[in-house]
N, C-alpha and C. Protein backbone atom coordinates (compact mmCIF):
# COMPACT_ATOMS: atom_id res chain seq x y z
N MET A 1 11.07 12.65 -20.47
CA MET A 1 10.83 11.81 -19.31
C MET A 1 10.61 10.37 -19.79
N ASP A 2 11.17 9.43 -19.08
CA ASP A 2 11.05 8.02 -19.43
C ASP A 2 9.73 7.47 -18.90
N GLN A 3 8.85 7.07 -19.81
CA GLN A 3 7.53 6.56 -19.42
C GLN A 3 7.47 5.05 -19.64
N ARG A 4 7.95 4.29 -18.67
CA ARG A 4 7.87 2.84 -18.76
C ARG A 4 6.59 2.36 -18.09
N PRO A 5 5.95 1.36 -18.67
CA PRO A 5 4.74 0.83 -18.02
C PRO A 5 5.12 0.15 -16.71
N THR A 6 4.25 0.27 -15.74
CA THR A 6 4.50 -0.37 -14.45
C THR A 6 3.63 -1.61 -14.34
N GLN A 7 4.13 -2.57 -13.61
CA GLN A 7 3.37 -3.79 -13.38
C GLN A 7 2.94 -3.80 -11.93
N THR A 8 1.63 -3.80 -11.70
CA THR A 8 1.12 -3.81 -10.34
C THR A 8 0.39 -5.11 -10.07
N THR A 9 0.38 -5.49 -8.82
CA THR A 9 -0.36 -6.68 -8.43
C THR A 9 -1.43 -6.26 -7.44
N HIS A 10 -2.50 -6.99 -7.44
CA HIS A 10 -3.61 -6.70 -6.54
C HIS A 10 -3.88 -7.93 -5.69
N PRO A 11 -4.21 -7.71 -4.41
CA PRO A 11 -4.54 -8.86 -3.57
C PRO A 11 -5.90 -9.44 -4.00
N SER A 12 -6.12 -10.69 -3.66
CA SER A 12 -7.41 -11.30 -3.98
C SER A 12 -8.50 -10.67 -3.11
N LYS A 13 -9.72 -10.84 -3.54
CA LYS A 13 -10.84 -10.30 -2.76
C LYS A 13 -10.87 -10.91 -1.36
N GLN A 14 -10.57 -12.21 -1.27
CA GLN A 14 -10.57 -12.87 0.03
C GLN A 14 -9.47 -12.31 0.92
N ALA A 15 -8.30 -12.02 0.36
CA ALA A 15 -7.20 -11.45 1.15
C ALA A 15 -7.60 -10.08 1.70
N VAL A 16 -8.30 -9.29 0.90
CA VAL A 16 -8.75 -7.97 1.35
C VAL A 16 -9.80 -8.14 2.46
N ARG A 17 -10.72 -9.07 2.28
CA ARG A 17 -11.74 -9.32 3.32
C ARG A 17 -11.08 -9.73 4.63
N ASP A 18 -10.09 -10.64 4.53
CA ASP A 18 -9.39 -11.10 5.73
C ASP A 18 -8.67 -9.95 6.43
N MET A 19 -7.99 -9.11 5.65
CA MET A 19 -7.27 -7.97 6.23
C MET A 19 -8.25 -7.00 6.91
N LEU A 20 -9.37 -6.72 6.25
CA LEU A 20 -10.35 -5.80 6.85
C LEU A 20 -10.94 -6.39 8.13
N GLU A 21 -11.18 -7.69 8.13
CA GLU A 21 -11.71 -8.33 9.34
C GLU A 21 -10.71 -8.26 10.48
N ARG A 22 -9.44 -8.52 10.19
CA ARG A 22 -8.40 -8.41 11.23
C ARG A 22 -8.33 -6.99 11.77
N ARG A 23 -8.36 -6.01 10.88
CA ARG A 23 -8.29 -4.62 11.33
C ARG A 23 -9.51 -4.25 12.18
N ARG A 24 -10.69 -4.78 11.79
CA ARG A 24 -11.90 -4.49 12.55
C ARG A 24 -11.79 -5.06 13.96
N ARG A 25 -11.27 -6.30 14.06
CA ARG A 25 -11.12 -6.93 15.38
C ARG A 25 -10.08 -6.23 16.23
N GLU A 26 -8.99 -5.79 15.62
CA GLU A 26 -7.91 -5.14 16.37
C GLU A 26 -8.30 -3.74 16.84
N GLN A 27 -9.11 -3.07 16.08
CA GLN A 27 -9.55 -1.70 16.38
C GLN A 27 -8.36 -0.79 16.69
N THR A 28 -7.35 -0.85 15.86
CA THR A 28 -6.20 0.03 16.02
C THR A 28 -6.34 1.20 15.06
N PRO A 29 -5.73 2.33 15.38
CA PRO A 29 -5.80 3.46 14.45
C PRO A 29 -5.03 3.13 13.17
N PRO A 30 -5.37 3.79 12.08
CA PRO A 30 -4.65 3.53 10.83
C PRO A 30 -3.18 3.93 10.97
N PRO A 31 -2.32 3.32 10.18
CA PRO A 31 -0.90 3.66 10.27
C PRO A 31 -0.66 5.09 9.80
N PRO A 32 0.45 5.68 10.23
CA PRO A 32 0.76 7.05 9.78
C PRO A 32 1.04 7.07 8.28
N PRO A 33 0.84 8.22 7.64
CA PRO A 33 1.04 8.32 6.19
C PRO A 33 2.43 7.84 5.73
N GLU A 34 3.48 8.14 6.49
CA GLU A 34 4.82 7.70 6.10
C GLU A 34 4.90 6.18 6.00
N ARG A 35 4.27 5.49 6.92
CA ARG A 35 4.28 4.02 6.92
C ARG A 35 3.54 3.49 5.70
N VAL A 36 2.40 4.12 5.36
CA VAL A 36 1.62 3.70 4.19
C VAL A 36 2.47 3.89 2.93
N ARG A 37 3.12 5.05 2.81
CA ARG A 37 3.96 5.30 1.64
C ARG A 37 5.07 4.27 1.53
N GLN A 38 5.66 3.92 2.66
CA GLN A 38 6.73 2.93 2.67
C GLN A 38 6.21 1.56 2.22
N GLU A 39 5.07 1.15 2.74
CA GLU A 39 4.52 -0.16 2.40
C GLU A 39 4.06 -0.23 0.95
N LEU A 40 3.63 0.90 0.40
CA LEU A 40 3.19 0.92 -1.00
C LEU A 40 4.35 1.05 -1.97
N GLY A 41 5.53 1.32 -1.45
CA GLY A 41 6.70 1.43 -2.32
C GLY A 41 6.75 2.73 -3.10
N TRP A 42 6.19 3.81 -2.55
CA TRP A 42 6.20 5.09 -3.24
C TRP A 42 7.61 5.57 -3.52
N TRP A 43 8.58 5.11 -2.74
CA TRP A 43 9.97 5.53 -2.93
C TRP A 43 10.51 5.01 -4.25
N LEU A 44 9.83 4.05 -4.89
CA LEU A 44 10.28 3.52 -6.18
C LEU A 44 10.07 4.52 -7.31
N ILE A 45 9.16 5.46 -7.14
CA ILE A 45 8.87 6.46 -8.16
C ILE A 45 9.83 7.63 -7.94
N PRO A 46 10.65 7.94 -8.96
CA PRO A 46 11.67 8.98 -8.78
C PRO A 46 11.11 10.31 -8.26
N GLU A 47 9.91 10.70 -8.72
CA GLU A 47 9.33 11.98 -8.30
C GLU A 47 8.98 12.00 -6.81
N ASN A 48 8.82 10.84 -6.18
CA ASN A 48 8.44 10.77 -4.78
C ASN A 48 9.63 10.67 -3.83
N ARG A 49 10.83 10.57 -4.38
CA ARG A 49 12.02 10.48 -3.51
C ARG A 49 12.35 11.85 -2.97
N SER A 50 12.72 11.88 -1.69
CA SER A 50 13.08 13.17 -1.10
C SER A 50 14.57 13.32 -0.98
């Protein structure tokens, strides 16, 4: 199996605070799992492709 290191980026603490505040104000339910997987790019990992 090819084990290449991955490069990940993380949002700043302020960006996370802003996002959480927006979500708190909107009071919407969390997105469905498929949407989360899509936004996180899970399809980039060969084992996660269907």
